[in-house]
Amino acid sequence: MPVEVRSRRNLLTEPVSILLPVCDEVEGIESVLAELVEVVYRHLPEGSEFLIEESGSKDGTKELLKELQQRWPFLDIRFQPKREGFGPAARALYARAKCPWVFFTDSDGQCVASEFWSLAEQAAAHDFVLGVKRIRYD
């Protein structure tokens, strides 16, 4: 059963770093970010952060992210001049994270933001919680 919005704030008492690697996602990045902001970030404890590592997109993603950062100034975006790949982007994000909890997710829209709360329910009892996609569309 999904966690009610009003009780989400009580699931986590420590801040969360949301980590999002992004490359060539102009078609869907706005909706992915909007969902993560509204369903997850706005309900996290004070001091949480939203980190994005943009990895040399060539399809207009970089420009769109700059526009979206105007709407959501708390987005901490680092733009890389050239494509370095998923591994380096992931490592850079983890190195930047400052919060006790880390939520690493894809930017291609295949992860449902509300599933974060199912994982968060387990946070108090575990040091590490891993979610996997049961059905993949890529």
Protein backbone atom coordinates (compact mmCIF):
# COMPACT_ATOMS: atom_id res chain seq x y z
CA MET A 1 0.00 0.00 0.00
CA PRO A 2 1.46 3.40 -0.97
CA VAL A 3 2.52 5.74 1.79
CA GLU A 4 0.17 8.67 2.28
CA VAL A 5 1.64 12.07 1.44
CA ARG A 6 1.05 13.43 4.95
CA SER A 7 3.08 10.62 6.55
CA ARG A 8 6.01 10.76 4.13
CA ARG A 9 7.84 13.41 6.13
CA ASN A 10 7.94 11.03 9.09
CA LEU A 11 9.61 8.18 7.20
CA LEU A 12 13.03 9.81 7.05
CA THR A 13 14.48 11.97 9.78
CA GLU A 14 17.81 12.65 8.05
CA PRO A 15 18.39 14.50 4.76
CA VAL A 16 18.62 12.69 1.44
CA SER A 17 20.85 13.32 -1.58
CA ILE A 18 18.96 12.60 -4.80
CA LEU A 19 21.50 11.65 -7.48
CA LEU A 20 20.59 11.76 -11.16
CA PRO A 21 23.02 11.13 -14.04
CA VAL A 22 21.73 12.70 -17.27
CA CYS A 23 22.82 12.44 -20.89
CA ASP A 24 20.75 13.02 -24.04
CA GLU A 25 17.33 12.94 -22.33
CA VAL A 26 15.74 16.08 -23.80
CA GLU A 27 12.48 14.26 -24.64
CA GLY A 28 11.70 13.19 -21.09
CA ILE A 29 13.89 14.96 -18.56
CA GLU A 30 11.37 17.68 -17.70
CA SER A 31 8.66 15.18 -16.71
CA VAL A 32 11.17 13.00 -14.82
CA LEU A 33 12.40 16.00 -12.82
CA ALA A 34 8.88 17.31 -12.20
CA GLU A 35 7.81 13.95 -10.81
CA LEU A 36 10.91 13.61 -8.60
CA VAL A 37 10.52 17.17 -7.30
CA GLU A 38 6.81 16.92 -6.50
CA VAL A 39 6.61 13.31 -5.32
CA VAL A 40 9.95 12.96 -3.53
CA TYR A 41 12.10 16.07 -3.01
CA ARG A 42 9.38 18.36 -1.61
CA HIS A 43 8.64 15.79 1.11
CA LEU A 44 12.22 15.17 2.25
CA PRO A 45 13.74 16.50 5.48
CA GLU A 46 15.38 19.91 5.49
CA GLY A 47 18.94 19.83 4.21
CA SER A 48 18.20 17.36 1.42
CA GLU A 49 19.82 18.00 -1.94
CA PHE A 50 19.10 17.27 -5.59
CA LEU A 51 22.30 16.63 -7.57
CA ILE A 52 22.46 16.19 -11.34
CA GLU A 53 25.51 15.26 -13.38
CA GLU A 54 24.95 16.19 -17.03
CA SER A 55 27.40 14.30 -19.19
CA GLY A 56 27.95 16.16 -22.45
CA SER A 57 24.50 15.91 -24.04
CA LYS A 58 24.23 16.83 -27.72
CA ASP A 59 20.42 16.80 -28.08
CA GLY A 60 19.41 19.99 -26.22
CA THR A 61 19.28 18.41 -22.75
CA LYS A 62 21.91 20.81 -21.43
CA GLU A 63 19.94 23.87 -22.52
CA LEU A 64 16.67 22.48 -21.13
CA LEU A 65 18.32 21.71 -17.78
CA LYS A 66 19.50 25.33 -17.57
CA GLU A 67 15.89 26.47 -18.09
CA LEU A 68 14.58 24.00 -15.51
CA GLN A 69 17.16 25.20 -13.01
CA GLN A 70 15.48 28.63 -13.22
CA ARG A 71 12.19 26.98 -12.18
CA TRP A 72 13.82 24.80 -9.50
CA PRO A 73 16.90 26.70 -8.24
CA PHE A 74 17.68 23.94 -5.72
CA LEU A 75 18.79 21.68 -8.60
CA ASP A 76 22.56 21.43 -8.26
CA ILE A 77 23.63 20.66 -11.82
CA ARG A 78 27.17 20.10 -13.03
CA PHE A 79 27.65 20.23 -16.77
CA GLN A 80 30.46 18.22 -18.33
CA PRO A 81 31.91 19.52 -21.62
CA LYS A 82 32.20 16.01 -23.10
CA ARG A 83 30.52 12.66 -22.69
CA GLU A 84 32.34 10.60 -20.08
CA GLY A 85 29.86 7.78 -19.64
CA PHE A 86 27.60 6.43 -16.91
CA GLY A 87 30.35 5.18 -14.57
CA PRO A 88 32.22 8.49 -14.24
CA ALA A 89 28.91 10.37 -13.86
CA ALA A 90 27.80 8.01 -11.08
CA ARG A 91 31.13 8.31 -9.27
CA ALA A 92 31.04 12.10 -9.52
CA LEU A 93 27.52 12.17 -8.06
CA TYR A 94 28.40 9.93 -5.13
CA ALA A 95 31.48 12.06 -4.45
CA ARG A 96 29.31 15.21 -4.32
CA ALA A 97 26.61 13.75 -2.04
CA LYS A 98 26.66 15.21 1.46
CA CYS A 99 23.55 13.69 3.08
CA PRO A 100 23.31 10.57 5.28
CA TRP A 101 20.92 8.91 2.79
CA VAL A 102 21.46 8.68 -0.96
CA PHE A 103 18.80 7.98 -3.60
CA PHE A 104 20.36 7.16 -6.98
CA THR A 105 17.96 6.87 -9.90
CA ASP A 106 17.86 6.89 -13.69
CA SER A 107 16.87 9.92 -15.76
CA ASP A 108 15.13 8.02 -18.56
CA GLY A 109 11.70 7.84 -16.90
CA GLN A 110 11.64 4.09 -16.30
CA CYS A 111 11.74 4.45 -12.51
CA VAL A 112 8.52 5.55 -10.82
CA ALA A 113 9.28 8.31 -8.31
CA SER A 114 6.59 7.21 -5.85
CA GLU A 115 8.41 3.89 -5.40
CA PHE A 116 11.01 5.86 -3.43
CA TRP A 117 8.62 5.82 -0.48
CA SER A 118 8.45 2.03 -0.48
CA LEU A 119 12.24 2.02 -0.18
CA ALA A 120 12.18 4.76 2.46
CA GLU A 121 9.91 2.63 4.64
CA GLN A 122 12.86 0.24 4.99
CA ALA A 123 15.47 2.91 5.76
CA ALA A 124 15.15 2.85 9.55
CA ALA A 125 15.85 -0.87 9.72
CA HIS A 126 18.64 -1.11 7.13
CA ASP A 127 21.87 0.57 6.12
CA PHE A 128 21.33 -0.11 2.42
CA VAL A 129 18.10 -0.54 0.46
CA LEU A 130 18.14 -1.57 -3.20
CA GLY A 131 15.21 -1.41 -5.60
CA VAL A 132 15.19 -3.15 -8.95
CA LYS A 133 12.94 -2.88 -11.98
CA ARG A 134 10.82 -5.98 -12.46
CA ILE A 135 9.93 -5.03 -16.01
CA ARG A 136 12.35 -3.19 -18.27
CA TYR A 137 11.41 -1.37 -21.46
CA ASP A 138 14.91 -0.64 -22.78
